N, C-alpha and C. Protein backbone atom coordinates (compact mmCIF):
# COMPACT_ATOMS: atom_id res chain seq x y z
N MET A 1 0.83 -1.19 0.01
CA MET A 1 0.00 0.00 0.00
C MET A 1 0.88 1.23 0.00
N SER A 2 2.14 1.08 0.16
CA SER A 2 3.04 2.21 0.17
C SER A 2 2.93 2.97 -1.15
N GLY A 3 2.77 4.26 -1.03
CA GLY A 3 2.64 5.09 -2.23
C GLY A 3 1.24 5.22 -2.74
N GLU A 4 0.32 4.33 -2.34
CA GLU A 4 -1.08 4.45 -2.77
C GLU A 4 -1.80 5.47 -1.93
N ARG A 5 -2.74 6.17 -2.56
CA ARG A 5 -3.54 7.14 -1.84
C ARG A 5 -4.90 6.54 -1.53
N LEU A 6 -5.35 6.79 -0.33
CA LEU A 6 -6.69 6.34 0.08
C LEU A 6 -7.74 7.21 -0.59
N ASP A 7 -8.82 6.61 -0.98
CA ASP A 7 -9.94 7.46 -1.43
C ASP A 7 -10.52 8.14 -0.21
N ARG A 8 -11.30 9.18 -0.43
CA ARG A 8 -11.84 9.98 0.67
C ARG A 8 -12.61 9.14 1.69
N ALA A 9 -13.50 8.29 1.26
CA ALA A 9 -14.30 7.48 2.17
C ALA A 9 -13.40 6.57 3.05
N SER A 10 -12.38 5.98 2.43
CA SER A 10 -11.47 5.12 3.17
C SER A 10 -10.68 5.92 4.19
N PHE A 11 -10.27 7.13 3.80
CA PHE A 11 -9.56 7.98 4.74
C PHE A 11 -10.45 8.41 5.91
N LEU A 12 -11.66 8.84 5.61
CA LEU A 12 -12.57 9.29 6.67
C LEU A 12 -12.91 8.15 7.63
N ALA A 13 -12.93 6.93 7.14
CA ALA A 13 -13.19 5.77 7.98
C ALA A 13 -12.09 5.54 9.00
N THR A 14 -10.93 6.09 8.81
CA THR A 14 -9.81 5.92 9.76
C THR A 14 -9.83 6.96 10.88
N LEU A 15 -10.68 8.00 10.79
CA LEU A 15 -10.67 9.06 11.75
C LEU A 15 -11.51 8.75 12.99
N PRO A 16 -11.24 9.38 14.15
CA PRO A 16 -12.01 9.16 15.36
C PRO A 16 -13.48 9.55 15.17
N ARG A 17 -14.35 8.95 15.95
CA ARG A 17 -15.79 9.22 15.86
C ARG A 17 -16.31 9.75 17.18
N ARG A 18 -16.20 11.05 17.39
CA ARG A 18 -16.69 11.67 18.60
C ARG A 18 -18.15 12.09 18.42
N ARG A 19 -18.91 11.92 19.48
CA ARG A 19 -20.29 12.45 19.49
C ARG A 19 -20.22 13.95 19.70
N ILE A 20 -21.21 14.64 19.18
CA ILE A 20 -21.31 16.09 19.37
C ILE A 20 -22.69 16.37 19.98
N GLY A 21 -22.68 17.18 21.03
CA GLY A 21 -23.92 17.55 21.68
C GLY A 21 -23.99 19.07 21.86
N ALA A 22 -25.18 19.59 22.06
CA ALA A 22 -25.37 21.01 22.29
C ALA A 22 -26.47 21.22 23.29
N GLY A 23 -26.25 22.11 24.24
CA GLY A 23 -27.22 22.41 25.26
C GLY A 23 -27.44 23.90 25.44
N ALA A 24 -28.59 24.25 25.99
CA ALA A 24 -28.94 25.66 26.19
C ALA A 24 -28.97 25.96 27.69
N LEU A 25 -28.21 26.97 28.08
CA LEU A 25 -28.21 27.44 29.45
C LEU A 25 -29.33 28.48 29.60
N ILE A 26 -30.47 27.99 30.06
CA ILE A 26 -31.70 28.79 30.19
C ILE A 26 -31.88 29.14 31.65
N ARG A 27 -32.25 30.36 31.93
CA ARG A 27 -32.52 30.78 33.29
C ARG A 27 -33.94 31.35 33.46
N ASP A 28 -34.36 31.45 34.67
CA ASP A 28 -35.61 32.21 34.94
C ASP A 28 -35.24 33.59 35.44
N GLU A 29 -36.24 34.40 35.71
CA GLU A 29 -35.98 35.79 36.09
C GLU A 29 -35.26 35.93 37.42
N ALA A 30 -35.27 34.85 38.24
CA ALA A 30 -34.53 34.85 39.53
C ALA A 30 -33.09 34.38 39.34
N GLY A 31 -32.68 34.02 38.11
CA GLY A 31 -31.33 33.58 37.85
C GLY A 31 -31.07 32.11 38.05
N ARG A 32 -32.13 31.35 38.32
CA ARG A 32 -31.98 29.90 38.48
C ARG A 32 -31.82 29.27 37.10
N VAL A 33 -31.14 28.10 37.06
CA VAL A 33 -30.81 27.40 35.81
C VAL A 33 -31.82 26.30 35.56
N LEU A 34 -32.32 26.22 34.35
CA LEU A 34 -33.28 25.18 33.95
C LEU A 34 -32.57 23.92 33.65
N LEU A 35 -32.91 22.85 34.40
CA LEU A 35 -32.38 21.51 34.16
C LEU A 35 -33.55 20.58 33.88
N VAL A 36 -33.28 19.55 33.09
CA VAL A 36 -34.30 18.57 32.75
C VAL A 36 -33.86 17.21 33.30
N GLU A 37 -34.87 16.41 33.66
CA GLU A 37 -34.63 15.08 34.20
C GLU A 37 -34.97 14.03 33.15
N PRO A 38 -33.97 13.41 32.53
CA PRO A 38 -34.23 12.41 31.48
C PRO A 38 -34.81 11.13 32.05
N THR A 39 -35.54 10.42 31.22
CA THR A 39 -36.05 9.09 31.61
C THR A 39 -35.00 8.00 31.46
N TYR A 40 -33.93 8.27 30.72
CA TYR A 40 -32.97 7.24 30.32
C TYR A 40 -31.64 7.29 31.07
N ARG A 41 -31.52 8.18 32.10
CA ARG A 41 -30.29 8.24 32.89
C ARG A 41 -30.58 8.88 34.22
N PRO A 42 -29.70 8.68 35.22
CA PRO A 42 -30.00 9.20 36.55
C PRO A 42 -29.72 10.70 36.72
N ASP A 43 -28.78 11.24 36.00
CA ASP A 43 -28.41 12.63 36.19
C ASP A 43 -29.26 13.58 35.34
N TRP A 44 -29.42 14.78 35.85
CA TRP A 44 -30.15 15.84 35.13
C TRP A 44 -29.21 16.47 34.13
N LEU A 45 -29.79 17.19 33.17
CA LEU A 45 -29.03 17.81 32.07
C LEU A 45 -29.58 19.20 31.75
N LEU A 46 -28.79 19.93 30.97
CA LEU A 46 -29.35 21.11 30.32
C LEU A 46 -30.27 20.65 29.19
N PRO A 47 -31.27 21.40 28.82
CA PRO A 47 -32.04 21.08 27.61
C PRO A 47 -31.10 21.08 26.41
N GLY A 48 -31.23 20.10 25.58
CA GLY A 48 -30.35 19.96 24.42
C GLY A 48 -30.22 18.54 24.01
N GLY A 49 -29.24 18.24 23.19
CA GLY A 49 -29.06 16.87 22.77
C GLY A 49 -28.02 16.71 21.69
N THR A 50 -28.16 15.64 20.95
CA THR A 50 -27.19 15.23 19.94
C THR A 50 -27.30 16.09 18.68
N VAL A 51 -26.16 16.44 18.15
CA VAL A 51 -26.07 17.14 16.87
C VAL A 51 -26.15 16.09 15.77
N GLU A 52 -27.14 16.18 14.90
CA GLU A 52 -27.26 15.23 13.79
C GLU A 52 -26.24 15.57 12.69
N ALA A 53 -26.01 14.60 11.80
CA ALA A 53 -24.97 14.74 10.77
C ALA A 53 -25.17 15.97 9.88
N ASP A 54 -26.39 16.41 9.67
CA ASP A 54 -26.64 17.52 8.76
C ASP A 54 -26.89 18.84 9.47
N GLU A 55 -26.51 18.94 10.75
CA GLU A 55 -26.82 20.14 11.54
C GLU A 55 -25.56 20.80 12.09
N SER A 56 -25.65 22.11 12.29
CA SER A 56 -24.66 22.79 13.09
C SER A 56 -25.02 22.62 14.58
N PRO A 57 -24.10 22.81 15.49
CA PRO A 57 -24.45 22.70 16.91
C PRO A 57 -25.57 23.65 17.33
N SER A 58 -25.57 24.89 16.82
CA SER A 58 -26.62 25.83 17.22
C SER A 58 -28.00 25.42 16.66
N THR A 59 -28.01 24.91 15.47
CA THR A 59 -29.27 24.46 14.89
C THR A 59 -29.82 23.26 15.69
N ALA A 60 -28.95 22.34 16.03
CA ALA A 60 -29.32 21.18 16.84
C ALA A 60 -29.84 21.62 18.20
N CYS A 61 -29.18 22.56 18.82
CA CYS A 61 -29.62 23.01 20.14
C CYS A 61 -31.00 23.64 20.08
N ARG A 62 -31.25 24.47 19.09
CA ARG A 62 -32.56 25.09 18.98
C ARG A 62 -33.66 24.02 18.70
N ARG A 63 -33.33 23.05 17.84
CA ARG A 63 -34.28 21.98 17.56
C ARG A 63 -34.55 21.17 18.82
N GLU A 64 -33.53 20.86 19.59
CA GLU A 64 -33.69 20.05 20.81
C GLU A 64 -34.49 20.81 21.84
N VAL A 65 -34.28 22.12 21.99
CA VAL A 65 -35.07 22.92 22.93
C VAL A 65 -36.56 22.89 22.54
N LEU A 66 -36.83 22.95 21.27
CA LEU A 66 -38.19 22.87 20.78
C LEU A 66 -38.77 21.48 21.07
N GLU A 67 -38.01 20.44 20.78
CA GLU A 67 -38.49 19.09 21.00
C GLU A 67 -38.70 18.77 22.48
N GLU A 68 -37.77 19.25 23.31
CA GLU A 68 -37.82 18.89 24.75
C GLU A 68 -38.72 19.78 25.56
N LEU A 69 -38.81 21.06 25.22
CA LEU A 69 -39.57 22.01 26.04
C LEU A 69 -40.81 22.58 25.34
N GLY A 70 -40.86 22.39 24.04
CA GLY A 70 -41.97 22.98 23.26
C GLY A 70 -41.80 24.47 23.03
N LEU A 71 -40.60 24.98 23.24
CA LEU A 71 -40.31 26.40 23.06
C LEU A 71 -39.42 26.61 21.85
N ASP A 72 -39.88 27.43 20.92
CA ASP A 72 -39.07 27.77 19.75
C ASP A 72 -38.54 29.15 19.96
N ARG A 73 -37.29 29.23 20.37
CA ARG A 73 -36.71 30.54 20.69
C ARG A 73 -35.27 30.61 20.18
N PRO A 74 -34.85 31.78 19.77
CA PRO A 74 -33.49 31.93 19.29
C PRO A 74 -32.48 31.74 20.42
N LEU A 75 -31.32 31.29 20.07
CA LEU A 75 -30.24 31.13 21.03
C LEU A 75 -29.37 32.38 21.04
N GLY A 76 -28.74 32.59 22.15
CA GLY A 76 -27.73 33.64 22.25
C GLY A 76 -26.37 33.10 21.82
N ARG A 77 -25.35 33.71 22.31
CA ARG A 77 -24.00 33.35 21.88
C ARG A 77 -23.51 32.02 22.45
N LEU A 78 -22.49 31.48 21.81
CA LEU A 78 -21.82 30.32 22.28
C LEU A 78 -21.07 30.68 23.55
N LEU A 79 -21.28 29.93 24.64
CA LEU A 79 -20.65 30.23 25.91
C LEU A 79 -19.48 29.33 26.21
N VAL A 80 -19.60 28.05 25.86
CA VAL A 80 -18.58 27.08 26.28
C VAL A 80 -18.50 25.93 25.28
N ILE A 81 -17.28 25.44 25.14
CA ILE A 81 -17.01 24.20 24.38
C ILE A 81 -16.32 23.27 25.35
N ASN A 82 -16.86 22.06 25.48
CA ASN A 82 -16.31 21.08 26.42
C ASN A 82 -15.93 19.81 25.65
N SER A 83 -14.67 19.45 25.82
CA SER A 83 -14.15 18.23 25.20
C SER A 83 -14.10 17.15 26.25
N ASN A 84 -15.03 16.19 26.19
CA ASN A 84 -15.04 15.06 27.14
C ASN A 84 -14.16 13.97 26.58
N ARG A 85 -13.21 13.57 27.36
CA ARG A 85 -12.29 12.53 26.92
C ARG A 85 -13.01 11.17 26.86
N PRO A 86 -12.45 10.23 26.08
CA PRO A 86 -13.04 8.90 26.05
C PRO A 86 -13.04 8.29 27.45
N ASP A 87 -14.01 7.41 27.67
CA ASP A 87 -14.17 6.72 28.95
C ASP A 87 -14.52 5.26 28.66
N PRO A 88 -13.53 4.50 28.16
CA PRO A 88 -13.80 3.09 27.80
C PRO A 88 -14.25 2.32 29.01
N PRO A 89 -15.04 1.28 28.83
CA PRO A 89 -15.43 0.71 27.56
C PRO A 89 -16.74 1.27 27.02
N THR A 90 -17.50 2.02 27.85
CA THR A 90 -18.81 2.47 27.35
C THR A 90 -18.73 3.67 26.44
N ASP A 91 -17.68 4.45 26.52
CA ASP A 91 -17.56 5.66 25.69
C ASP A 91 -16.13 5.70 25.09
N PRO A 92 -15.89 4.92 24.04
CA PRO A 92 -14.54 4.81 23.52
C PRO A 92 -14.01 6.06 22.75
N TYR A 93 -14.91 7.00 22.41
CA TYR A 93 -14.47 8.13 21.59
C TYR A 93 -14.56 9.47 22.29
N GLY A 94 -15.38 9.58 23.34
CA GLY A 94 -15.55 10.87 23.99
C GLY A 94 -16.56 11.71 23.21
N SER A 95 -16.73 12.95 23.66
CA SER A 95 -17.71 13.81 23.01
C SER A 95 -17.22 15.25 23.03
N LEU A 96 -17.83 16.02 22.18
CA LEU A 96 -17.60 17.46 22.13
C LEU A 96 -18.96 18.12 22.39
N GLN A 97 -19.04 18.97 23.40
CA GLN A 97 -20.30 19.60 23.77
C GLN A 97 -20.18 21.13 23.58
N PHE A 98 -21.28 21.69 23.08
CA PHE A 98 -21.38 23.14 22.90
C PHE A 98 -22.47 23.64 23.82
N GLY A 99 -22.19 24.71 24.58
CA GLY A 99 -23.19 25.31 25.46
C GLY A 99 -23.54 26.72 25.00
N TYR A 100 -24.80 26.98 24.80
CA TYR A 100 -25.27 28.29 24.29
C TYR A 100 -26.09 29.01 25.34
N ASP A 101 -26.12 30.32 25.23
CA ASP A 101 -26.96 31.13 26.08
C ASP A 101 -28.39 30.95 25.60
N GLY A 102 -29.22 30.34 26.43
CA GLY A 102 -30.61 30.12 26.08
C GLY A 102 -31.53 31.25 26.57
N GLY A 103 -30.96 32.24 27.23
CA GLY A 103 -31.71 33.41 27.66
C GLY A 103 -32.48 33.19 28.93
N VAL A 104 -33.35 34.15 29.23
CA VAL A 104 -34.16 34.15 30.43
C VAL A 104 -35.60 33.99 30.04
N LEU A 105 -36.27 33.01 30.66
CA LEU A 105 -37.69 32.75 30.36
C LEU A 105 -38.59 33.62 31.25
N THR A 106 -39.65 34.12 30.66
CA THR A 106 -40.65 34.84 31.42
C THR A 106 -41.65 33.84 31.99
N GLU A 107 -42.50 34.29 32.88
CA GLU A 107 -43.53 33.40 33.48
C GLU A 107 -44.40 32.75 32.42
N PRO A 108 -44.90 33.54 31.40
CA PRO A 108 -45.71 32.88 30.36
C PRO A 108 -44.92 31.81 29.56
N GLU A 109 -43.66 32.03 29.30
CA GLU A 109 -42.88 31.05 28.60
C GLU A 109 -42.69 29.78 29.47
N ILE A 110 -42.48 29.98 30.77
CA ILE A 110 -42.35 28.82 31.66
C ILE A 110 -43.64 28.03 31.68
N ALA A 111 -44.75 28.74 31.73
CA ALA A 111 -46.06 28.06 31.72
C ALA A 111 -46.32 27.29 30.43
N ALA A 112 -45.66 27.68 29.36
CA ALA A 112 -45.84 27.03 28.06
C ALA A 112 -44.96 25.79 27.87
N ILE A 113 -44.06 25.50 28.81
CA ILE A 113 -43.20 24.34 28.68
C ILE A 113 -44.00 23.06 28.64
N ARG A 114 -43.70 22.21 27.64
CA ARG A 114 -44.32 20.93 27.48
C ARG A 114 -43.21 19.89 27.26
N LEU A 115 -43.15 18.88 28.09
CA LEU A 115 -42.11 17.87 28.03
C LEU A 115 -42.59 16.62 27.28
N PRO A 116 -41.71 16.02 26.49
CA PRO A 116 -42.06 14.72 25.88
C PRO A 116 -41.94 13.64 26.94
N ALA A 117 -43.04 13.00 27.31
CA ALA A 117 -43.07 12.06 28.44
C ALA A 117 -42.15 10.86 28.23
N ASP A 118 -41.90 10.48 26.97
CA ASP A 118 -41.05 9.33 26.71
C ASP A 118 -39.55 9.65 26.89
N GLU A 119 -39.21 10.95 27.00
CA GLU A 119 -37.79 11.34 27.08
C GLU A 119 -37.46 12.07 28.38
N LEU A 120 -38.40 12.88 28.89
CA LEU A 120 -38.12 13.68 30.10
C LEU A 120 -39.20 13.48 31.15
N ARG A 121 -38.75 13.25 32.38
CA ARG A 121 -39.66 13.10 33.51
C ARG A 121 -40.17 14.42 34.02
N SER A 122 -39.26 15.38 34.13
CA SER A 122 -39.59 16.66 34.74
C SER A 122 -38.51 17.70 34.41
N TYR A 123 -38.80 18.90 34.85
CA TYR A 123 -37.79 19.98 34.74
C TYR A 123 -37.86 20.76 36.07
N ALA A 124 -36.77 21.52 36.32
CA ALA A 124 -36.72 22.35 37.52
C ALA A 124 -35.79 23.52 37.25
N PHE A 125 -36.12 24.65 37.83
CA PHE A 125 -35.19 25.76 37.85
C PHE A 125 -34.45 25.65 39.15
N VAL A 126 -33.10 25.52 39.08
CA VAL A 126 -32.28 25.19 40.19
C VAL A 126 -31.37 26.37 40.54
N GLU A 127 -31.26 26.68 41.83
CA GLU A 127 -30.34 27.69 42.29
C GLU A 127 -28.93 27.36 41.82
N VAL A 128 -28.17 28.36 41.44
CA VAL A 128 -26.81 28.14 40.90
C VAL A 128 -25.96 27.35 41.87
N ASP A 129 -26.05 27.64 43.16
CA ASP A 129 -25.21 26.91 44.12
C ASP A 129 -25.67 25.49 44.39
N ARG A 130 -26.78 25.03 43.78
CA ARG A 130 -27.33 23.70 43.98
C ARG A 130 -27.28 22.85 42.69
N ILE A 131 -26.80 23.43 41.58
CA ILE A 131 -26.82 22.65 40.32
C ILE A 131 -25.97 21.41 40.38
N GLY A 132 -24.88 21.46 41.15
CA GLY A 132 -24.01 20.29 41.29
C GLY A 132 -24.67 19.09 41.92
N ASP A 133 -25.75 19.34 42.66
CA ASP A 133 -26.50 18.27 43.31
C ASP A 133 -27.22 17.39 42.31
N ARG A 134 -27.54 17.93 41.16
CA ARG A 134 -28.34 17.19 40.18
C ARG A 134 -27.57 16.77 38.95
N LEU A 135 -26.51 17.49 38.63
CA LEU A 135 -25.75 17.21 37.39
C LEU A 135 -24.71 16.12 37.63
N GLY A 136 -24.48 15.35 36.57
CA GLY A 136 -23.42 14.34 36.61
C GLY A 136 -22.06 14.98 36.42
N PRO A 137 -20.99 14.21 36.61
CA PRO A 137 -19.63 14.75 36.52
C PRO A 137 -19.24 15.24 35.13
N ARG A 138 -19.92 14.76 34.08
CA ARG A 138 -19.58 15.26 32.74
C ARG A 138 -20.36 16.51 32.39
N SER A 139 -21.51 16.73 32.97
CA SER A 139 -22.33 17.92 32.67
C SER A 139 -21.95 19.10 33.55
N ARG A 140 -21.53 18.84 34.77
CA ARG A 140 -21.24 19.90 35.71
C ARG A 140 -20.27 20.95 35.17
N PRO A 141 -19.12 20.55 34.59
CA PRO A 141 -18.18 21.56 34.12
C PRO A 141 -18.74 22.43 33.01
N LEU A 142 -19.59 21.86 32.12
CA LEU A 142 -20.20 22.63 31.04
C LEU A 142 -21.08 23.74 31.62
N VAL A 143 -21.90 23.40 32.59
CA VAL A 143 -22.83 24.37 33.18
C VAL A 143 -22.04 25.43 33.97
N THR A 144 -21.09 25.00 34.75
CA THR A 144 -20.30 25.94 35.57
C THR A 144 -19.52 26.92 34.66
N ALA A 145 -18.93 26.39 33.60
CA ALA A 145 -18.20 27.25 32.67
C ALA A 145 -19.15 28.18 31.90
N GLY A 146 -20.33 27.64 31.56
CA GLY A 146 -21.33 28.49 30.89
C GLY A 146 -21.76 29.66 31.74
N LEU A 147 -21.97 29.43 33.02
CA LEU A 147 -22.32 30.51 33.93
C LEU A 147 -21.17 31.52 34.04
N ALA A 148 -19.95 31.04 34.11
CA ALA A 148 -18.81 31.94 34.15
C ALA A 148 -18.69 32.76 32.89
N ALA A 149 -18.96 32.13 31.73
CA ALA A 149 -18.93 32.84 30.45
C ALA A 149 -19.97 33.94 30.38
N LEU A 150 -21.16 33.64 30.94
CA LEU A 150 -22.19 34.69 31.00
C LEU A 150 -21.74 35.86 31.83
N ALA A 151 -21.04 35.59 32.91
CA ALA A 151 -20.59 36.62 33.82
C ALA A 151 -19.44 37.45 33.25
N ASP A 152 -18.49 36.79 32.59
CA ASP A 152 -17.31 37.51 32.14
C ASP A 152 -17.29 37.88 30.66
N GLY A 153 -18.30 37.43 29.90
CA GLY A 153 -18.43 37.84 28.50
C GLY A 153 -17.48 37.15 27.55
N THR A 154 -16.84 36.10 28.00
CA THR A 154 -15.90 35.38 27.12
C THR A 154 -16.42 33.99 26.75
N LEU A 155 -15.73 33.32 25.87
CA LEU A 155 -15.98 31.94 25.51
C LEU A 155 -15.04 31.09 26.33
N HIS A 156 -15.56 30.07 26.99
CA HIS A 156 -14.74 29.14 27.78
C HIS A 156 -14.57 27.85 27.04
N GLU A 157 -13.34 27.35 27.02
CA GLU A 157 -13.06 26.06 26.40
C GLU A 157 -12.49 25.13 27.47
N LEU A 158 -13.15 23.98 27.62
CA LEU A 158 -12.72 23.01 28.62
C LEU A 158 -12.07 21.81 27.94
N GLU A 159 -11.10 21.25 28.62
CA GLU A 159 -10.44 20.04 28.12
C GLU A 159 -10.58 18.91 29.11
């Protein structure tokens, strides 16, 4: 094979396969963070989900917020990028997560939230100093860095 060039498909098949996810850091008027309780895992999450092959992270995040909360709203700026390392054997490739400013919901918007029963059990607005009680170890840094990015106006990148 020395000297032969791989075709594009063969070359792409040799590259790592990381999952990509996107979440929205949504708050209420009291500054609490909106977390959702999935039916398929023990830890709570930000509203959001997997980026499909034909989507940008921001498009996926907006779609997921609509699917999970029933709210179609524009996203603010990118706050944080988190690179989760592989965790074999269940996660051999790791993931790349994008966190966006989901803004502040008003009381009527909160009242309009509708959850898909097959995917989410509940939601809660959680005090910032209590979010670590509900988030898993992979989600906690994304949310903490997102809050810091809101405060300092910068983009945070986690490794």
